[in-house]
Amino acid sequence: MTRVRIDLNISLDGYTSAGQSPENPMGEDWASLMALYTSTRTMQEQVFGDTSGAGTTGIDDSYAAAYFEGVGAEIMGAGKFGLHAFPDDPDWKGWWGDEPPFAMPVYVLTHTAPRPSIPMQGGTTFHFRSTAIEDVLAEASAAATGLDVRVGGGVNTARDFLLAGLVDDLHVAIAPVLLGRGNRLWDHLRGLDLTHRVTTELAESGTTHVTFTR
């Protein structure tokens, strides 16, 4: 059965990285927020293409590995794709390179749709949609062919799905850093702990992994 999943990384004070730009596509604080997570062996291999076996193992790495397992389609916001960087360039294919690390259909939510789909190397095809998130989720679920749908972010897209009650599994990695700025995750999500079972696990790095399961 297809489930809707979200994985997010936030700071101790509840922020995700903000301030996206062509120079900082994931936000100004992304490096410090994600340092412990991106240093895992799985992330080094899956995202950065390092197959040497370098990287940390343990609890952080087990969550990183789970992020890539059993997913058949992804939904993301325009910001994560990078549309706001070059919104009027018809040749812009996002900032994920020629072979993005998704290898599946990816549905990009954007007010600039309709626009042609973009097939990429490695099995990723970006589709652009401006319809209701429930309609996009239905399309992504069909494309996932029995696997899960991952809502990949950014945080505003994730919150839209959470507020609509569409998320079955939410994993939040709380990094041991204080940002004091950015986009807040938890606002107006009161009661999520009543509709989902909550578990926590502390990693060797000091990262706290919180999981909400419907």
C-alpha atoms as a PDB file:
ATOM      1  CA  MET A   1       0.000   0.000   0.000  1.00  0.00           C
ATOM      2  CA  THR A   2       1.326   3.408  -0.990  1.00  0.00           C
ATOM      3  CA  ARG A   3       2.156   5.686   1.926  1.00  0.00           C
ATOM      4  CA  VAL A   4       3.022   9.383   1.892  1.00  0.00           C
ATOM      5  CA  ARG A   5       6.382  10.122   3.509  1.00  0.00           C
ATOM      6  CA  ILE A   6       8.287  13.232   4.514  1.00  0.00           C
ATOM      7  CA  ASP A   7      11.856  13.512   5.806  1.00  0.00           C
ATOM      8  CA  LEU A   8      13.052  16.885   7.112  1.00  0.00           C
ATOM      9  CA  ASN A   9      16.078  18.270   8.912  1.00  0.00           C
ATOM     10  CA  ILE A  10      15.590  21.084  11.414  1.00  0.00           C
ATOM     11  CA  SER A  11      17.561  22.862  14.127  1.00  0.00           C
ATOM     12  CA  LEU A  12      17.050  22.619  17.878  1.00  0.00           C
ATOM     13  CA  ASP A  13      14.943  25.769  17.715  1.00  0.00           C
ATOM     14  CA  GLY A  14      12.716  24.347  14.978  1.00  0.00           C
ATOM     15  CA  TYR A  15      14.035  26.023  11.833  1.00  0.00           C
ATOM     16  CA  THR A  16      14.961  24.750   8.397  1.00  0.00           C
ATOM     17  CA  SER A  17      17.498  26.560   6.256  1.00  0.00           C
ATOM     18  CA  ALA A  18      16.270  29.691   4.471  1.00  0.00           C
ATOM     19  CA  GLY A  19      17.731  32.240   2.087  1.00  0.00           C
ATOM     20  CA  GLN A  20      17.907  30.181  -1.090  1.00  0.00           C
ATOM     21  CA  SER A  21      19.838  31.681  -3.993  1.00  0.00           C
ATOM     22  CA  PRO A  22      21.852  30.435  -6.994  1.00  0.00           C
ATOM     23  CA  GLU A  23      24.918  30.611  -4.742  1.00  0.00           C
ATOM     24  CA  ASN A  24      23.161  28.797  -1.862  1.00  0.00           C
ATOM     25  CA  PRO A  25      20.493  26.644  -3.537  1.00  0.00           C
ATOM     26  CA  MET A  26      19.533  24.890  -0.297  1.00  0.00           C
ATOM     27  CA  GLY A  27      19.691  28.001   1.866  1.00  0.00           C
ATOM     28  CA  GLU A  28      22.341  29.928   3.755  1.00  0.00           C
ATOM     29  CA  ASP A  29      22.373  27.613   6.793  1.00  0.00           C
ATOM     30  CA  TRP A  30      22.090  24.306   4.927  1.00  0.00           C
ATOM     31  CA  ALA A  31      25.722  23.287   5.423  1.00  0.00           C
ATOM     32  CA  SER A  32      25.700  23.690   9.206  1.00  0.00           C
ATOM     33  CA  LEU A  33      22.228  22.185   9.574  1.00  0.00           C
ATOM     34  CA  MET A  34      23.022  19.135   7.434  1.00  0.00           C
ATOM     35  CA  ALA A  35      26.702  18.566   8.239  1.00  0.00           C
ATOM     36  CA  LEU A  36      26.192  15.463  10.389  1.00  0.00           C
ATOM     37  CA  TYR A  37      23.630  13.968   8.004  1.00  0.00           C
ATOM     38  CA  THR A  38      25.533  14.583   4.778  1.00  0.00           C
ATOM     39  CA  SER A  39      28.626  13.005   6.318  1.00  0.00           C
ATOM     40  CA  THR A  40      26.919   9.590   6.484  1.00  0.00           C
ATOM     41  CA  ARG A  41      28.096   6.862   4.151  1.00  0.00           C
ATOM     42  CA  THR A  42      24.691   6.606   2.490  1.00  0.00           C
ATOM     43  CA  MET A  43      24.430  10.315   1.714  1.00  0.00           C
ATOM     44  CA  GLN A  44      27.998  10.430   0.447  1.00  0.00           C
ATOM     45  CA  GLU A  45      27.212   7.620  -1.977  1.00  0.00           C
ATOM     46  CA  GLN A  46      23.630   8.410  -2.999  1.00  0.00           C
ATOM     47  CA  VAL A  47      23.865  12.205  -3.284  1.00  0.00           C
ATOM     48  CA  PHE A  48      27.537  12.984  -3.816  1.00  0.00           C
ATOM     49  CA  GLY A  49      28.517   9.879  -5.806  1.00  0.00           C
ATOM     50  CA  ASP A  50      31.351   8.797  -3.486  1.00  0.00           C
ATOM     51  CA  THR A  51      31.435   4.990  -3.689  1.00  0.00           C
ATOM     52  CA  SER A  52      34.693   4.640  -1.754  1.00  0.00           C
ATOM     53  CA  GLY A  53      32.906   3.631   1.451  1.00  0.00           C
ATOM     54  CA  ALA A  54      33.771   6.909   3.161  1.00  0.00           C
ATOM     55  CA  GLY A  55      31.326   8.396   5.619  1.00  0.00           C
ATOM     56  CA  THR A  56      29.883   7.690   9.033  1.00  0.00           C
ATOM     57  CA  THR A  57      27.745   4.693   9.916  1.00  0.00           C
ATOM     58  CA  GLY A  58      25.369   4.104  12.813  1.00  0.00           C
ATOM     59  CA  ILE A  59      21.943   5.530  13.569  1.00  0.00           C
ATOM     60  CA  ASP A  60      22.183   8.590  11.291  1.00  0.00           C
ATOM     61  CA  ASP A  61      23.217   6.384   8.401  1.00  0.00           C
ATOM     62  CA  SER A  62      20.330   3.970   8.993  1.00  0.00           C
ATOM     63  CA  TYR A  63      17.841   6.831   8.645  1.00  0.00           C
ATOM     64  CA  ALA A  64      19.649   8.109   5.567  1.00  0.00           C
ATOM     65  CA  ALA A  65      19.395   4.646   3.993  1.00  0.00           C
ATOM     66  CA  ALA A  66      15.682   4.426   4.828  1.00  0.00           C
ATOM     67  CA  TYR A  67      15.135   7.740   3.041  1.00  0.00           C
ATOM     68  CA  PHE A  68      15.976   6.098  -0.287  1.00  0.00           C
ATOM     69  CA  GLU A  69      14.133   2.803   0.232  1.00  0.00           C
ATOM     70  CA  GLY A  70      10.702   1.938  -1.163  1.00  0.00           C
ATOM     71  CA  VAL A  71       9.945   5.257  -2.894  1.00  0.00           C
ATOM     72  CA  GLY A  72       8.400   5.306  -6.359  1.00  0.00           C
ATOM     73  CA  ALA A  73       7.656   9.015  -6.905  1.00  0.00           C
ATOM     74  CA  GLU A  74       8.478  12.369  -5.335  1.00  0.00           C
ATOM     75  CA  ILE A  75       6.659  15.673  -4.975  1.00  0.00           C
ATOM     76  CA  MET A  76       8.635  18.866  -4.390  1.00  0.00           C
ATOM     77  CA  GLY A  77       8.135  22.598  -4.395  1.00  0.00           C
ATOM     78  CA  ALA A  78       9.439  24.931  -7.075  1.00  0.00           C
ATOM     79  CA  GLY A  79      12.150  26.160  -4.714  1.00  0.00           C
ATOM     80  CA  LYS A  80      13.677  22.728  -4.237  1.00  0.00           C
ATOM     81  CA  PHE A  81      13.771  22.238  -7.998  1.00  0.00           C
ATOM     82  CA  GLY A  82      15.260  25.693  -8.417  1.00  0.00           C
ATOM     83  CA  LEU A  83      12.633  27.390 -10.556  1.00  0.00           C
ATOM     84  CA  HIS A  84      12.875  30.662  -8.665  1.00  0.00           C
ATOM     85  CA  ALA A  85      16.550  30.977  -9.669  1.00  0.00           C
ATOM     86  CA  PHE A  86      15.868  31.227 -13.420  1.00  0.00           C
ATOM     87  CA  PRO A  87      12.050  31.289 -13.757  1.00  0.00           C
ATOM     88  CA  ASP A  88      12.034  32.632 -17.318  1.00  0.00           C
ATOM     89  CA  ASP A  89      14.790  30.438 -18.791  1.00  0.00           C
ATOM     90  CA  PRO A  90      13.140  27.665 -20.877  1.00  0.00           C
ATOM     91  CA  ASP A  91      16.407  25.702 -20.886  1.00  0.00           C
ATOM     92  CA  TRP A  92      16.835  25.694 -17.086  1.00  0.00           C
ATOM     93  CA  LYS A  93      16.667  22.100 -15.804  1.00  0.00           C
ATOM     94  CA  GLY A  94      17.071  22.757 -12.093  1.00  0.00           C
ATOM     95  CA  TRP A  95      20.175  22.651  -9.941  1.00  0.00           C
ATOM     96  CA  TRP A  96      20.392  18.884  -9.546  1.00  0.00           C
ATOM     97  CA  GLY A  97      22.819  18.361 -12.427  1.00  0.00           C
ATOM     98  CA  ASP A  98      22.484  16.154 -15.478  1.00  0.00           C
ATOM     99  CA  GLU A  99      21.767  13.036 -13.392  1.00  0.00           C
ATOM    100  CA  PRO A 100      19.610  13.960 -10.354  1.00  0.00           C
ATOM    101  CA  PRO A 101      19.651  11.531  -7.404  1.00  0.00           C
ATOM    102  CA  PHE A 102      15.944  10.653  -7.635  1.00  0.00           C
ATOM    103  CA  ALA A 103      15.701   8.024 -10.413  1.00  0.00           C
ATOM    104  CA  MET A 104      11.897   8.266 -10.423  1.00  0.00           C
ATOM    105  CA  PRO A 105       9.080  10.575 -11.542  1.00  0.00           C
ATOM    106  CA  VAL A 106       9.284  13.899  -9.696  1.00  0.00           C
ATOM    107  CA  TYR A 107       6.296  16.269  -9.586  1.00  0.00           C
ATOM    108  CA  VAL A 108       7.241  19.920  -9.122  1.00  0.00           C
ATOM    109  CA  LEU A 109       4.549  22.220  -7.718  1.00  0.00           C
ATOM    110  CA  THR A 110       4.732  25.560  -9.497  1.00  0.00           C
ATOM    111  CA  HIS A 111       2.474  28.384 -10.607  1.00  0.00           C
ATOM    112  CA  THR A 112       4.450  28.483 -13.884  1.00  0.00           C
ATOM    113  CA  ALA A 113       2.856  25.206 -15.059  1.00  0.00           C
ATOM    114  CA  PRO A 114       1.966  24.018 -17.607  1.00  0.00           C
ATOM    115  CA  ARG A 115       5.484  23.515 -18.939  1.00  0.00           C
ATOM    116  CA  PRO A 116       7.054  20.522 -20.670  1.00  0.00           C
ATOM    117  CA  SER A 117       8.295  17.587 -18.635  1.00  0.00           C
ATOM    118  CA  ILE A 118      12.078  17.180 -18.470  1.00  0.00           C
ATOM    119  CA  PRO A 119      13.550  13.664 -18.723  1.00  0.00           C
ATOM    120  CA  MET A 120      17.010  13.458 -17.144  1.00  0.00           C
ATOM    121  CA  GLN A 121      19.771  10.901 -17.035  1.00  0.00           C
ATOM    122  CA  GLY A 122      19.423   8.124 -14.482  1.00  0.00           C
ATOM    123  CA  GLY A 123      15.646   7.729 -14.650  1.00  0.00           C
ATOM    124  CA  THR A 124      14.437  11.058 -13.215  1.00  0.00           C
ATOM    125  CA  THR A 125      11.697  12.896 -15.097  1.00  0.00           C
ATOM    126  CA  PHE A 126      10.520  16.251 -13.781  1.00  0.00           C
ATOM    127  CA  HIS A 127       6.812  16.996 -14.274  1.00  0.00           C
ATOM    128  CA  PHE A 128       5.367  20.430 -13.468  1.00  0.00           C
ATOM    129  CA  ARG A 129       1.926  20.829 -11.908  1.00  0.00           C
ATOM    130  CA  SER A 130      -0.185  23.739 -10.649  1.00  0.00           C
ATOM    131  CA  THR A 131      -3.264  21.762  -9.576  1.00  0.00           C
ATOM    132  CA  ALA A 132      -4.412  21.012  -6.013  1.00  0.00           C
ATOM    133  CA  ILE A 133      -1.964  18.986  -3.948  1.00  0.00           C
ATOM    134  CA  GLU A 134      -4.553  16.216  -3.583  1.00  0.00           C
ATOM    135  CA  ASP A 135      -4.654  15.854  -7.383  1.00  0.00           C
ATOM    136  CA  VAL A 136      -0.878  15.855  -7.684  1.00  0.00           C
ATOM    137  CA  LEU A 137      -0.667  13.242  -4.921  1.00  0.00           C
ATOM    138  CA  ALA A 138      -3.137  11.021  -6.760  1.00  0.00           C
ATOM    139  CA  GLU A 139      -1.047  11.259  -9.927  1.00  0.00           C
ATOM    140  CA  ALA A 140       2.189  10.601  -8.057  1.00  0.00           C
ATOM    141  CA  SER A 141       0.642   7.627  -6.237  1.00  0.00           C
ATOM    142  CA  ALA A 142      -0.362   6.069  -9.553  1.00  0.00           C
ATOM    143  CA  ALA A 143       3.141   6.639 -10.928  1.00  0.00           C
ATOM    144  CA  ALA A 144       4.707   5.064  -7.828  1.00  0.00           C
ATOM    145  CA  THR A 145       3.142   1.684  -8.786  1.00  0.00           C
ATOM    146  CA  GLY A 146       2.673   0.445  -5.235  1.00  0.00           C
ATOM    147  CA  LEU A 147       5.733   2.094  -3.728  1.00  0.00           C
ATOM    148  CA  ASP A 148       5.604   5.150  -1.462  1.00  0.00           C
ATOM    149  CA  VAL A 149       5.356   8.803  -2.445  1.00  0.00           C
ATOM    150  CA  ARG A 150       7.943  11.074  -0.846  1.00  0.00           C
ATOM    151  CA  VAL A 151       7.123  14.748  -0.329  1.00  0.00           C
ATOM    152  CA  GLY A 152      10.632  16.084  -0.643  1.00  0.00           C
ATOM    153  CA  GLY A 153      10.186  19.673   0.471  1.00  0.00           C
ATOM    154  CA  GLY A 154      10.902  22.461   0.911  1.00  0.00           C
ATOM    155  CA  VAL A 155       9.347  23.039   4.270  1.00  0.00           C
ATOM    156  CA  ASN A 156       6.389  25.058   2.959  1.00  0.00           C
ATOM    157  CA  THR A 157       5.415  22.225   0.617  1.00  0.00           C
ATOM    158  CA  ALA A 158       5.856  19.708   3.439  1.00  0.00           C
ATOM    159  CA  ARG A 159       3.677  21.810   5.742  1.00  0.00           C
ATOM    160  CA  ASP A 160       0.942  22.058   3.103  1.00  0.00           C
ATOM    161  CA  PHE A 161       0.714  18.263   3.016  1.00  0.00           C
ATOM    162  CA  LEU A 162       0.885  17.973   6.819  1.00  0.00           C
ATOM    163  CA  LEU A 163      -1.811  20.592   7.363  1.00  0.00           C
ATOM    164  CA  ALA A 164      -4.021  18.809   4.822  1.00  0.00           C
ATOM    165  CA  GLY A 165      -3.679  15.551   6.771  1.00  0.00           C
ATOM    166  CA  LEU A 166      -2.114  13.731   3.825  1.00  0.00           C
ATOM    167  CA  VAL A 167       1.096  12.450   5.456  1.00  0.00           C
ATOM    168  CA  ASP A 168       1.396   8.925   6.820  1.00  0.00           C
ATOM    169  CA  ASP A 169       5.037   8.994   7.928  1.00  0.00           C
ATOM    170  CA  LEU A 170       7.039  12.025   9.022  1.00  0.00           C
ATOM    171  CA  HIS A 171      10.695  11.722  10.018  1.00  0.00           C
ATOM    172  CA  VAL A 172      12.375  14.811  11.461  1.00  0.00           C
ATOM    173  CA  ALA A 173      16.117  14.852  12.167  1.00  0.00           C
ATOM    174  CA  ILE A 174      16.792  17.531  14.785  1.00  0.00           C
ATOM    175  CA  ALA A 175      20.397  18.643  14.458  1.00  0.00           C
ATOM    176  CA  PRO A 176      22.267  19.864  17.567  1.00  0.00           C
ATOM    177  CA  VAL A 177      22.573  23.421  16.233  1.00  0.00           C
ATOM    178  CA  LEU A 178      20.730  26.682  16.874  1.00  0.00           C
ATOM    179  CA  LEU A 179      19.895  28.763  13.786  1.00  0.00           C
ATOM    180  CA  GLY A 180      17.708  31.544  15.161  1.00  0.00           C
ATOM    181  CA  ARG A 181      16.342  32.166  11.674  1.00  0.00           C
ATOM    182  CA  GLY A 182      14.782  30.373   8.732  1.00  0.00           C
ATOM    183  CA  ASN A 183      11.461  28.651   8.131  1.00  0.00           C
ATOM    184  CA  ARG A 184       9.628  27.124  11.093  1.00  0.00           C
ATOM    185  CA  LEU A 185       8.269  23.594  10.826  1.00  0.00           C
ATOM    186  CA  TRP A 186       5.959  23.077  13.808  1.00  0.00           C
ATOM    187  CA  ASP A 187       3.651  26.120  13.691  1.00  0.00           C
ATOM    188  CA  HIS A 188      -0.072  25.190  13.629  1.00  0.00           C
ATOM    189  CA  LEU A 189       0.622  21.426  13.681  1.00  0.00           C
ATOM    190  CA  ARG A 190      -0.930  20.960  17.116  1.00  0.00           C
ATOM    191  CA  GLY A 191      -2.456  17.486  17.467  1.00  0.00           C
ATOM    192  CA  LEU A 192      -0.101  15.677  15.102  1.00  0.00           C
ATOM    193  CA  ASP A 193       1.014  13.582  18.074  1.00  0.00           C
ATOM    194  CA  LEU A 194      -2.609  12.485  18.550  1.00  0.00           C
ATOM    195  CA  THR A 195      -3.128  11.216  15.003  1.00  0.00           C
ATOM    196  CA  HIS A 196       0.343   9.648  14.690  1.00  0.00           C
ATOM    197  CA  ARG A 197       2.442   7.427  16.936  1.00  0.00           C
ATOM    198  CA  VAL A 198       5.614   9.248  17.985  1.00  0.00           C
ATOM    199  CA  THR A 199       9.006   7.616  18.533  1.00  0.00           C
ATOM    200  CA  THR A 200      12.407   9.202  19.173  1.00  0.00           C
ATOM    201  CA  GLU A 201      15.959   7.975  18.837  1.00  0.00           C
ATOM    202  CA  LEU A 202      19.209   9.747  19.699  1.00  0.00           C
ATOM    203  CA  ALA A 203      22.094   9.219  17.300  1.00  0.00           C
ATOM    204  CA  GLU A 204      25.770   9.081  18.147  1.00  0.00           C
ATOM    205  CA  SER A 205      26.175  12.500  16.514  1.00  0.00           C
ATOM    206  CA  GLY A 206      23.718  14.141  18.903  1.00  0.00           C
ATOM    207  CA  THR A 207      21.003  14.300  16.231  1.00  0.00           C
ATOM    208  CA  THR A 208      17.546  13.419  17.556  1.00  0.00           C
ATOM    209  CA  HIS A 209      15.397  11.455  15.114  1.00  0.00           C
ATOM    210  CA  VAL A 210      11.655  11.933  15.699  1.00  0.00           C
ATOM    211  CA  THR A 211       9.208   9.798  13.728  1.00  0.00           C
ATOM    212  CA  PHE A 212       5.442  10.280  13.405  1.00  0.00           C
ATOM    213  CA  THR A 213       3.602   7.226  12.024  1.00  0.00           C
ATOM    214  CA  ARG A 214      -0.109   7.189  11.249  1.00  0.00           C
END
